[in-house]
Amino acid sequence: MQENLLIGFIVIWVALVLGSVMLFQRGKDVARKRKLWPIYTVFSNVVIGGFIVYMQPPTMWMMAILVLLVPLTLLTIRLNQIL
């Protein structure tokens, strides 16, 4: 069971990386990139949070990680708006 979960996580992670490269490293449309960045960031962190919940770590660890994901997401989006 854990091996299947790990393989699924790796496959989804690679898909997110490839999607990121295709969306943000190629092309020259800065306005489009700025529009899609918050959506991509929230989506990728929701996927990571979903895997954390699905893996069912101890409750305190799970809550701490999920609580840390929220400000990390917001700061990542804000940093993109500043730069």
PDB file of N, CA and C in Angstrom:
ATOM      1  N   MET A   1       0.830  -1.199   0.000  1.00  0.00           N
ATOM      2  CA  MET A   1       0.000   0.000   0.000  1.00  0.00           C
ATOM      3  C   MET A   1       0.872   1.259   0.000  1.00  0.00           C
ATOM      4  N   GLN A   2       1.865   1.312   0.877  1.00  0.00           N
ATOM      5  CA  GLN A   2       2.722   2.495   0.958  1.00  0.00           C
ATOM      6  C   GLN A   2       3.532   2.686  -0.317  1.00  0.00           C
ATOM      7  N   GLU A   3       3.956   1.573  -0.965  1.00  0.00           N
ATOM      8  CA  GLU A   3       4.706   1.699  -2.211  1.00  0.00           C
ATOM      9  C   GLU A   3       3.845   2.304  -3.304  1.00  0.00           C
ATOM     10  N   ASN A   4       2.580   1.895  -3.382  1.00  0.00           N
ATOM     11  CA  ASN A   4       1.668   2.458  -4.379  1.00  0.00           C
ATOM     12  C   ASN A   4       1.439   3.936  -4.134  1.00  0.00           C
ATOM     13  N   LEU A   5       1.335   4.313  -2.877  1.00  0.00           N
ATOM     14  CA  LEU A   5       1.157   5.718  -2.530  1.00  0.00           C
ATOM     15  C   LEU A   5       2.383   6.524  -2.926  1.00  0.00           C
ATOM     16  N   LEU A   6       3.559   5.978  -2.659  1.00  0.00           N
ATOM     17  CA  LEU A   6       4.794   6.665  -3.023  1.00  0.00           C
ATOM     18  C   LEU A   6       4.920   6.806  -4.533  1.00  0.00           C
ATOM     19  N   ILE A   7       4.607   5.758  -5.262  1.00  0.00           N
ATOM     20  CA  ILE A   7       4.662   5.823  -6.726  1.00  0.00           C
ATOM     21  C   ILE A   7       3.667   6.847  -7.243  1.00  0.00           C
ATOM     22  N   GLY A   8       2.459   6.857  -6.711  1.00  0.00           N
ATOM     23  CA  GLY A   8       1.458   7.850  -7.114  1.00  0.00           C
ATOM     24  C   GLY A   8       1.918   9.264  -6.813  1.00  0.00           C
ATOM     25  N   PHE A   9       2.516   9.470  -5.661  1.00  0.00           N
ATOM     26  CA  PHE A   9       3.013  10.793  -5.296  1.00  0.00           C
ATOM     27  C   PHE A   9       4.114  11.234  -6.251  1.00  0.00           C
ATOM     28  N   ILE A  10       5.024  10.331  -6.582  1.00  0.00           N
ATOM     29  CA  ILE A  10       6.115  10.673  -7.502  1.00  0.00           C
ATOM     30  C   ILE A  10       5.570  11.005  -8.889  1.00  0.00           C
ATOM     31  N   VAL A  11       4.612  10.221  -9.368  1.00  0.00           N
ATOM     32  CA  VAL A  11       4.020  10.481 -10.691  1.00  0.00           C
ATOM     33  C   VAL A  11       3.333  11.843 -10.715  1.00  0.00           C
ATOM     34  N   ILE A  12       2.563  12.151  -9.693  1.00  0.00           N
ATOM     35  CA  ILE A  12       1.877  13.444  -9.648  1.00  0.00           C
ATOM     36  C   ILE A  12       2.884  14.577  -9.491  1.00  0.00           C
ATOM     37  N   TRP A  13       3.914  14.378  -8.699  1.00  0.00           N
ATOM     38  CA  TRP A  13       4.948  15.405  -8.515  1.00  0.00           C
ATOM     39  C   TRP A  13       5.646  15.705  -9.841  1.00  0.00           C
ATOM     40  N   VAL A  14       6.000  14.649 -10.585  1.00  0.00           N
ATOM     41  CA  VAL A  14       6.644  14.838 -11.893  1.00  0.00           C
ATOM     42  C   VAL A  14       5.694  15.564 -12.846  1.00  0.00           C
ATOM     43  N   ALA A  15       4.415  15.228 -12.807  1.00  0.00           N
ATOM     44  CA  ALA A  15       3.438  15.917 -13.653  1.00  0.00           C
ATOM     45  C   ALA A  15       3.351  17.400 -13.284  1.00  0.00           C
ATOM     46  N   LEU A  16       3.392  17.716 -11.992  1.00  0.00           N
ATOM     47  CA  LEU A  16       3.375  19.116 -11.569  1.00  0.00           C
ATOM     48  C   LEU A  16       4.629  19.849 -12.034  1.00  0.00           C
ATOM     49  N   VAL A  17       5.771  19.185 -11.960  1.00  0.00           N
ATOM     50  CA  VAL A  17       7.027  19.803 -12.417  1.00  0.00           C
ATOM     51  C   VAL A  17       6.971  20.052 -13.927  1.00  0.00           C
ATOM     52  N   LEU A  18       6.526  19.059 -14.678  1.00  0.00           N
ATOM     53  CA  LEU A  18       6.430  19.229 -16.132  1.00  0.00           C
ATOM     54  C   LEU A  18       5.431  20.330 -16.492  1.00  0.00           C
ATOM     55  N   GLY A  19       4.321  20.360 -15.785  1.00  0.00           N
ATOM     56  CA  GLY A  19       3.345  21.428 -16.018  1.00  0.00           C
ATOM     57  C   GLY A  19       3.924  22.798 -15.706  1.00  0.00           C
ATOM     58  N   SER A  20       4.685  22.874 -14.638  1.00  0.00           N
ATOM     59  CA  SER A  20       5.321  24.133 -14.268  1.00  0.00           C
ATOM     60  C   SER A  20       6.311  24.578 -15.327  1.00  0.00           C
ATOM     61  N   VAL A  21       7.123  23.663 -15.808  1.00  0.00           N
ATOM     62  CA  VAL A  21       8.096  24.009 -16.847  1.00  0.00           C
ATOM     63  C   VAL A  21       7.369  24.472 -18.106  1.00  0.00           C
ATOM     64  N   MET A  22       6.333  23.757 -18.490  1.00  0.00           N
ATOM     65  CA  MET A  22       5.599  24.124 -19.706  1.00  0.00           C
ATOM     66  C   MET A  22       4.904  25.471 -19.561  1.00  0.00           C
ATOM     67  N   LEU A  23       4.383  25.759 -18.384  1.00  0.00           N
ATOM     68  CA  LEU A  23       3.651  27.011 -18.194  1.00  0.00           C
ATOM     69  C   LEU A  23       4.560  28.208 -17.950  1.00  0.00           C
ATOM     70  N   PHE A  24       5.607  28.021 -17.152  1.00  0.00           N
ATOM     71  CA  PHE A  24       6.354  29.180 -16.659  1.00  0.00           C
ATOM     72  C   PHE A  24       7.752  29.345 -17.253  1.00  0.00           C
ATOM     73  N   GLN A  25       8.325  28.316 -17.813  1.00  0.00           N
ATOM     74  CA  GLN A  25       9.652  28.454 -18.385  1.00  0.00           C
ATOM     75  C   GLN A  25       9.612  28.725 -19.883  1.00  0.00           C
ATOM     76  N   ARG A  26       8.526  28.367 -20.509  1.00  0.00           N
ATOM     77  CA  ARG A  26       8.380  28.595 -21.941  1.00  0.00           C
ATOM     78  C   ARG A  26       7.424  29.754 -22.171  1.00  0.00           C
ATOM     79  N   GLY A  27       7.549  30.369 -23.279  1.00  0.00           N
ATOM     80  CA  GLY A  27       6.655  31.470 -23.605  1.00  0.00           C
ATOM     81  C   GLY A  27       7.127  32.777 -23.012  1.00  0.00           C
ATOM     82  N   LYS A  28       6.571  33.841 -23.540  1.00  0.00           N
ATOM     83  CA  LYS A  28       7.005  35.170 -23.119  1.00  0.00           C
ATOM     84  C   LYS A  28       5.858  36.027 -22.581  1.00  0.00           C
ATOM     85  N   ASP A  29       4.695  35.443 -22.429  1.00  0.00           N
ATOM     86  CA  ASP A  29       3.526  36.194 -21.973  1.00  0.00           C
ATOM     87  C   ASP A  29       3.551  36.307 -20.445  1.00  0.00           C
ATOM     88  N   VAL A  30       4.105  37.419 -19.960  1.00  0.00           N
ATOM     89  CA  VAL A  30       4.270  37.616 -18.524  1.00  0.00           C
ATOM     90  C   VAL A  30       2.918  37.749 -17.822  1.00  0.00           C
ATOM     91  N   ALA A  31       1.981  38.419 -18.449  1.00  0.00           N
ATOM     92  CA  ALA A  31       0.662  38.599 -17.832  1.00  0.00           C
ATOM     93  C   ALA A  31      -0.019  37.245 -17.603  1.00  0.00           C
ATOM     94  N   ARG A  32       0.107  36.362 -18.565  1.00  0.00           N
ATOM     95  CA  ARG A  32      -0.494  35.026 -18.423  1.00  0.00           C
ATOM     96  C   ARG A  32       0.177  34.255 -17.295  1.00  0.00           C
ATOM     97  N   LYS A  33       1.509  34.349 -17.225  1.00  0.00           N
ATOM     98  CA  LYS A  33       2.238  33.658 -16.165  1.00  0.00           C
ATOM     99  C   LYS A  33       1.830  34.181 -14.798  1.00  0.00           C
ATOM    100  N   ARG A  34       1.693  35.482 -14.664  1.00  0.00           N
ATOM    101  CA  ARG A  34       1.283  36.054 -13.363  1.00  0.00           C
ATOM    102  C   ARG A  34      -0.140  35.662 -12.999  1.00  0.00           C
ATOM    103  N   LYS A  35      -0.991  35.492 -13.999  1.00  0.00           N
ATOM    104  CA  LYS A  35      -2.369  35.086 -13.743  1.00  0.00           C
ATOM    105  C   LYS A  35      -2.438  33.619 -13.307  1.00  0.00           C
ATOM    106  N   LEU A  36      -1.625  32.766 -13.936  1.00  0.00           N
ATOM    107  CA  LEU A  36      -1.681  31.336 -13.646  1.00  0.00           C
ATOM    108  C   LEU A  36      -0.892  30.928 -12.405  1.00  0.00           C
ATOM    109  N   TRP A  37       0.079  31.738 -11.979  1.00  0.00           N
ATOM    110  CA  TRP A  37       0.925  31.366 -10.845  1.00  0.00           C
ATOM    111  C   TRP A  37       0.141  31.102  -9.555  1.00  0.00           C
ATOM    112  N   PRO A  38      -0.774  31.988  -9.136  1.00  0.00           N
ATOM    113  CA  PRO A  38      -1.520  31.692  -7.894  1.00  0.00           C
ATOM    114  C   PRO A  38      -2.354  30.418  -8.009  1.00  0.00           C
ATOM    115  N   ILE A  39      -2.951  30.188  -9.160  1.00  0.00           N
ATOM    116  CA  ILE A  39      -3.761  28.975  -9.355  1.00  0.00           C
ATOM    117  C   ILE A  39      -2.881  27.743  -9.257  1.00  0.00           C
ATOM    118  N   TYR A  40      -1.738  27.781  -9.915  1.00  0.00           N
ATOM    119  CA  TYR A  40      -0.808  26.645  -9.886  1.00  0.00           C
ATOM    120  C   TYR A  40      -0.288  26.402  -8.470  1.00  0.00           C
ATOM    121  N   THR A  41       0.055  27.462  -7.768  1.00  0.00           N
ATOM    122  CA  THR A  41       0.598  27.326  -6.416  1.00  0.00           C
ATOM    123  C   THR A  41      -0.434  26.716  -5.469  1.00  0.00           C
ATOM    124  N   VAL A  42      -1.653  27.211  -5.509  1.00  0.00           N
ATOM    125  CA  VAL A  42      -2.705  26.673  -4.643  1.00  0.00           C
ATOM    126  C   VAL A  42      -2.976  25.214  -4.998  1.00  0.00           C
ATOM    127  N   PHE A  43      -3.078  24.915  -6.292  1.00  0.00           N
ATOM    128  CA  PHE A  43      -3.357  23.545  -6.718  1.00  0.00           C
ATOM    129  C   PHE A  43      -2.265  22.586  -6.250  1.00  0.00           C
ATOM    130  N   SER A  44      -1.007  22.954  -6.460  1.00  0.00           N
ATOM    131  CA  SER A  44       0.079  22.054  -6.073  1.00  0.00           C
ATOM    132  C   SER A  44       0.120  21.850  -4.559  1.00  0.00           C
ATOM    133  N   ASN A  45      -0.148  22.889  -3.782  1.00  0.00           N
ATOM    134  CA  ASN A  45      -0.139  22.729  -2.329  1.00  0.00           C
ATOM    135  C   ASN A  45      -1.357  21.956  -1.832  1.00  0.00           C
ATOM    136  N   VAL A  46      -2.479  22.054  -2.516  1.00  0.00           N
ATOM    137  CA  VAL A  46      -3.640  21.234  -2.160  1.00  0.00           C
ATOM    138  C   VAL A  46      -3.335  19.756  -2.432  1.00  0.00           C
ATOM    139  N   VAL A  47      -2.655  19.485  -3.539  1.00  0.00           N
ATOM    140  CA  VAL A  47      -2.260  18.101  -3.837  1.00  0.00           C
ATOM    141  C   VAL A  47      -1.320  17.574  -2.759  1.00  0.00           C
ATOM    142  N   ILE A  48      -0.341  18.363  -2.384  1.00  0.00           N
ATOM    143  CA  ILE A  48       0.591  17.943  -1.330  1.00  0.00           C
ATOM    144  C   ILE A  48      -0.161  17.741  -0.015  1.00  0.00           C
ATOM    145  N   GLY A  49      -1.061  18.652   0.324  1.00  0.00           N
ATOM    146  CA  GLY A  49      -1.859  18.512   1.538  1.00  0.00           C
ATOM    147  C   GLY A  49      -2.738  17.274   1.505  1.00  0.00           C
ATOM    148  N   GLY A  50      -3.287  16.977   0.336  1.00  0.00           N
ATOM    149  CA  GLY A  50      -4.102  15.769   0.193  1.00  0.00           C
ATOM    150  C   GLY A  50      -3.300  14.506   0.447  1.00  0.00           C
ATOM    151  N   PHE A  51      -2.088  14.464  -0.065  1.00  0.00           N
ATOM    152  CA  PHE A  51      -1.235  13.310   0.199  1.00  0.00           C
ATOM    153  C   PHE A  51      -0.879  13.212   1.672  1.00  0.00           C
ATOM    154  N   ILE A  52      -0.645  14.338   2.310  1.00  0.00           N
ATOM    155  CA  ILE A  52      -0.323  14.315   3.739  1.00  0.00           C
ATOM    156  C   ILE A  52      -1.493  13.746   4.527  1.00  0.00           C
ATOM    157  N   VAL A  53      -2.694  14.186   4.221  1.00  0.00           N
ATOM    158  CA  VAL A  53      -3.880  13.688   4.922  1.00  0.00           C
ATOM    159  C   VAL A  53      -4.078  12.203   4.636  1.00  0.00           C
ATOM    160  N   TYR A  54      -3.885  11.805   3.378  1.00  0.00           N
ATOM    161  CA  TYR A  54      -4.084  10.411   2.996  1.00  0.00           C
ATOM    162  C   TYR A  54      -3.084   9.482   3.673  1.00  0.00           C
ATOM    163  N   MET A  55      -1.865   9.951   3.891  1.00  0.00           N
ATOM    164  CA  MET A  55      -0.840   9.124   4.536  1.00  0.00           C
ATOM    165  C   MET A  55      -1.099   8.950   6.025  1.00  0.00           C
ATOM    166  N   GLN A  56      -1.934   9.777   6.608  1.00  0.00           N
ATOM    167  CA  GLN A  56      -2.346   9.690   8.000  1.00  0.00           C
ATOM    168  C   GLN A  56      -1.174   9.636   8.984  1.00  0.00           C
ATOM    169  N   PRO A  57      -0.349  10.687   8.986  1.00  0.00           N
ATOM    170  CA  PRO A  57       0.689  10.737  10.021  1.00  0.00           C
ATOM    171  C   PRO A  57       0.026  11.036  11.366  1.00  0.00           C
ATOM    172  N   PRO A  58       0.788  11.034  12.452  1.00  0.00           N
ATOM    173  CA  PRO A  58       0.201  11.411  13.745  1.00  0.00           C
ATOM    174  C   PRO A  58      -0.503  12.774  13.633  1.00  0.00           C
ATOM    175  N   THR A  59      -1.586  12.922  14.324  1.00  0.00           N
ATOM    176  CA  THR A  59      -2.448  14.091  14.175  1.00  0.00           C
ATOM    177  C   THR A  59      -1.716  15.410  14.378  1.00  0.00           C
ATOM    178  N   MET A  60      -0.864  15.487  15.370  1.00  0.00           N
ATOM    179  CA  MET A  60      -0.145  16.741  15.629  1.00  0.00           C
ATOM    180  C   MET A  60       0.791  17.090  14.477  1.00  0.00           C
ATOM    181  N   TRP A  61       1.482  16.085  13.927  1.00  0.00           N
ATOM    182  CA  TRP A  61       2.369  16.331  12.783  1.00  0.00           C
ATOM    183  C   TRP A  61       1.567  16.787  11.580  1.00  0.00           C
ATOM    184  N   MET A  62       0.445  16.103  11.333  1.00  0.00           N
ATOM    185  CA  MET A  62      -0.388  16.438  10.186  1.00  0.00           C
ATOM    186  C   MET A  62      -0.909  17.866  10.300  1.00  0.00           C
ATOM    187  N   MET A  63      -1.398  18.231  11.447  1.00  0.00           N
ATOM    188  CA  MET A  63      -1.928  19.587  11.631  1.00  0.00           C
ATOM    189  C   MET A  63      -0.821  20.633  11.482  1.00  0.00           C
ATOM    190  N   ALA A  64       0.361  20.348  12.030  1.00  0.00           N
ATOM    191  CA  ALA A  64       1.472  21.296  11.927  1.00  0.00           C
ATOM    192  C   ALA A  64       1.880  21.498  10.471  1.00  0.00           C
ATOM    193  N   ILE A  65       1.979  20.428   9.721  1.00  0.00           N
ATOM    194  CA  ILE A  65       2.370  20.542   8.311  1.00  0.00           C
ATOM    195  C   ILE A  65       1.308  21.289   7.518  1.00  0.00           C
ATOM    196  N   LEU A  66       0.056  20.945   7.736  1.00  0.00           N
ATOM    197  CA  LEU A  66      -1.017  21.604   6.992  1.00  0.00           C
ATOM    198  C   LEU A  66      -1.124  23.084   7.349  1.00  0.00           C
ATOM    199  N   VAL A  67      -0.913  23.412   8.624  1.00  0.00           N
ATOM    200  CA  VAL A  67      -0.952  24.819   9.037  1.00  0.00           C
ATOM    201  C   VAL A  67       0.210  25.586   8.408  1.00  0.00           C
ATOM    202  N   LEU A  68       1.362  24.955   8.280  1.00  0.00           N
ATOM    203  CA  LEU A  68       2.516  25.616   7.661  1.00  0.00           C
ATOM    204  C   LEU A  68       2.353  25.775   6.149  1.00  0.00           C
ATOM    205  N   LEU A  69       1.556  24.932   5.522  1.00  0.00           N
ATOM    206  CA  LEU A  69       1.339  25.046   4.081  1.00  0.00           C
ATOM    207  C   LEU A  69       0.591  26.330   3.710  1.00  0.00           C
ATOM    208  N   VAL A  70      -0.294  26.781   4.569  1.00  0.00           N
ATOM    209  CA  VAL A  70      -1.103  27.970   4.253  1.00  0.00           C
ATOM    210  C   VAL A  70      -0.237  29.223   4.131  1.00  0.00           C
ATOM    211  N   PRO A  71       0.562  29.589   5.148  1.00  0.00           N
ATOM    212  CA  PRO A  71       1.385  30.792   4.967  1.00  0.00           C
ATOM    213  C   PRO A  71       2.449  30.612   3.888  1.00  0.00           C
ATOM    214  N   LEU A  72       2.946  29.398   3.716  1.00  0.00           N
ATOM    215  CA  LEU A  72       3.915  29.147   2.655  1.00  0.00           C
ATOM    216  C   LEU A  72       3.295  29.435   1.287  1.00  0.00           C
ATOM    217  N   THR A  73       2.076  29.014   1.089  1.00  0.00           N
ATOM    218  CA  THR A  73       1.372  29.279  -0.168  1.00  0.00           C
ATOM    219  C   THR A  73       1.161  30.771  -0.361  1.00  0.00           C
ATOM    220  N   LEU A  74       0.691  31.449   0.670  1.00  0.00           N
ATOM    221  CA  LEU A  74       0.426  32.883   0.556  1.00  0.00           C
ATOM    222  C   LEU A  74       1.704  33.677   0.304  1.00  0.00           C
ATOM    223  N   LEU A  75       2.787  33.304   0.984  1.00  0.00           N
ATOM    224  CA  LEU A  75       4.047  34.007   0.773  1.00  0.00           C
ATOM    225  C   LEU A  75       4.608  33.755  -0.623  1.00  0.00           C
ATOM    226  N   THR A  76       4.435  32.560  -1.137  1.00  0.00           N
ATOM    227  CA  THR A  76       4.897  32.256  -2.483  1.00  0.00           C
ATOM    228  C   THR A  76       4.139  33.084  -3.512  1.00  0.00           C
ATOM    229  N   ILE A  77       2.842  33.197  -3.348  1.00  0.00           N
ATOM    230  CA  ILE A  77       2.034  34.001  -4.271  1.00  0.00           C
ATOM    231  C   ILE A  77       2.408  35.469  -4.152  1.00  0.00           C
ATOM    232  N   ARG A  78       2.579  35.954  -2.941  1.00  0.00           N
ATOM    233  CA  ARG A  78       2.917  37.361  -2.735  1.00  0.00           C
ATOM    234  C   ARG A  78       4.305  37.701  -3.307  1.00  0.00           C
ATOM    235  N   LEU A  79       5.259  36.805  -3.132  1.00  0.00           N
ATOM    236  CA  LEU A  79       6.594  37.033  -3.666  1.00  0.00           C
ATOM    237  C   LEU A  79       6.546  37.185  -5.182  1.00  0.00           C
ATOM    238  N   ASN A  80       5.712  36.396  -5.825  1.00  0.00           N
ATOM    239  CA  ASN A  80       5.575  36.486  -7.283  1.00  0.00           C
ATOM    240  C   ASN A  80       4.992  37.842  -7.693  1.00  0.00           C
ATOM    241  N   GLN A  81       4.095  38.400  -6.910  1.00  0.00           N
ATOM    242  CA  GLN A  81       3.500  39.685  -7.236  1.00  0.00           C
ATOM    243  C   GLN A  81       4.490  40.824  -7.050  1.00  0.00           C
ATOM    244  N   ILE A  82       5.425  40.666  -6.107  1.00  0.00           N
ATOM    245  CA  ILE A  82       6.411  41.714  -5.860  1.00  0.00           C
ATOM    246  C   ILE A  82       7.461  41.740  -6.949  1.00  0.00           C
ATOM    247  N   LEU A  83       7.914  40.543  -7.351  1.00  0.00           N
ATOM    248  CA  LEU A  83       8.983  40.463  -8.347  1.00  0.00           C
ATOM    249  C   LEU A  83       8.460  40.768  -9.677  1.00  0.00           C
TER     250      LEU A  83
END
